[in-house]
Structures are given as C-alpha cells and as structure tokens.
Amino acid sequence: PADAREQKVEGKVLFEIIFDEDGDIEKKEIIESIGYGCEEEAIRVLDRKNDLEIKGAKKDGKRVKSKILFPVRFNLM
C-alpha cells in the first residue's frame, strides 16, 4: 500500500482463518497488524482465496472444518 511504502513499513499481517467443510472462508480475524493500509490489502488478497489454491481439510476421507494461521508479508523492494 502507498502509505506503507511512504513510511517504509515492512512486516506481516497475520490472520486466523476458519474454513467450512467446502473450503470456503467462514471467518477471518487479524491476529497481528502493522497498519498503514496493510490490513486492507491483506483482506483484499484473502478475498481472492481461489487464486491462492487453499483447499479445505479432510479427515478420514471426509471434509471437515479447519483453522489455519495465514501470514501476508509486506516487503519493500
């Protein structure tokens, strides 16, 4: 994000994501934050979950709810 770039902010936004049995995001919560518009950008990325190739979990061959920690890293280049 422009604000983060201007302030030379790097770091990660960490989400806890709960997936339903179909692999769709049921809930997402920010666990770690760095500000400067990074959270909004990370949410935009998560809203494109299908592009990230995240699939739902299986246990004993059946689809189950699952929870992961998902970091979105921001680095200046």
Protein backbone atom coordinates (compact mmCIF):
# COMPACT_ATOMS: atom_id res chain seq x y z
CA PRO A 1 0.00 0.00 0.00
CA ALA A 2 1.12 3.56 -0.71
CA ASP A 3 1.03 4.61 2.97
CA ALA A 4 3.27 1.71 3.99
CA ARG A 5 5.69 2.43 1.15
CA GLU A 6 5.90 6.14 2.06
CA GLN A 7 6.55 5.32 5.73
CA LYS A 8 8.97 2.49 4.81
CA VAL A 9 6.91 -0.03 6.77
CA GLU A 10 7.59 -3.73 6.33
CA GLY A 11 6.24 -6.72 8.21
CA LYS A 12 3.38 -9.14 8.22
CA VAL A 13 -0.32 -9.19 8.83
CA LEU A 14 -1.28 -12.49 10.46
CA PHE A 15 -4.77 -13.90 10.09
CA GLU A 16 -6.53 -16.77 11.76
CA ILE A 17 -8.81 -18.25 9.11
CA ILE A 18 -11.59 -20.76 9.68
CA PHE A 19 -12.72 -22.76 6.65
CA ASP A 20 -16.02 -24.58 6.39
CA GLU A 21 -16.32 -28.14 5.10
CA ASP A 22 -16.36 -26.92 1.49
CA GLY A 23 -13.10 -25.00 1.90
CA ASP A 24 -14.78 -21.59 1.87
CA ILE A 25 -13.70 -18.95 4.37
CA GLU A 26 -16.18 -18.91 7.24
CA LYS A 27 -14.33 -16.41 9.41
CA LYS A 28 -11.11 -14.42 9.26
CA GLU A 29 -9.60 -12.50 12.13
CA ILE A 30 -6.50 -10.32 12.24
CA ILE A 31 -4.09 -11.61 14.90
CA GLU A 32 -1.10 -9.33 14.13
CA SER A 33 -1.23 -5.96 12.43
CA ILE A 34 1.26 -3.39 11.13
CA GLY A 35 -1.10 -0.63 9.99
CA TYR A 36 -0.60 1.80 7.08
CA GLY A 37 -3.24 0.12 4.89
CA CYS A 38 -1.62 -3.31 5.02
CA GLU A 39 -4.62 -4.95 6.69
CA GLU A 40 -6.97 -3.76 3.97
CA GLU A 41 -4.59 -5.03 1.28
CA ALA A 42 -4.23 -8.39 3.05
CA ILE A 43 -8.03 -8.72 3.24
CA ARG A 44 -8.23 -7.97 -0.48
CA VAL A 45 -5.79 -10.83 -1.11
CA LEU A 46 -7.78 -13.20 1.12
CA ASP A 47 -11.00 -12.30 -0.68
CA ARG A 48 -9.33 -13.78 -3.78
CA LYS A 49 -8.83 -17.11 -1.95
CA ASN A 50 -9.47 -19.18 -5.07
CA ASP A 51 -6.34 -17.68 -6.64
CA LEU A 52 -4.31 -18.83 -3.60
CA GLU A 53 -5.11 -22.53 -4.12
CA ILE A 54 -6.18 -23.02 -0.49
CA LYS A 55 -8.30 -26.13 -0.18
CA GLY A 56 -10.45 -27.42 2.61
CA ALA A 57 -9.20 -30.06 5.03
CA LYS A 58 -10.12 -33.73 5.13
CA LYS A 59 -10.09 -36.19 7.99
CA ASP A 60 -10.66 -39.88 7.40
CA GLY A 61 -11.63 -39.03 3.81
CA LYS A 62 -14.37 -36.59 4.87
CA ARG A 63 -14.29 -32.82 4.53
CA VAL A 64 -14.06 -31.04 7.88
CA LYS A 65 -13.88 -27.51 9.22
CA SER A 66 -10.31 -26.31 9.64
CA LYS A 67 -8.34 -23.40 11.04
CA ILE A 68 -5.00 -22.02 9.86
CA LEU A 69 -2.72 -19.09 10.61
CA PHE A 70 -2.06 -17.26 7.35
CA PRO A 71 0.68 -14.60 7.13
CA VAL A 72 0.64 -11.92 4.44
CA ARG A 73 4.11 -10.37 4.23
CA PHE A 74 4.89 -6.86 3.08
CA ASN A 75 8.46 -6.12 1.96
CA LEU A 76 9.91 -3.03 0.34
CA MET A 77 11.90 -3.56 -2.83
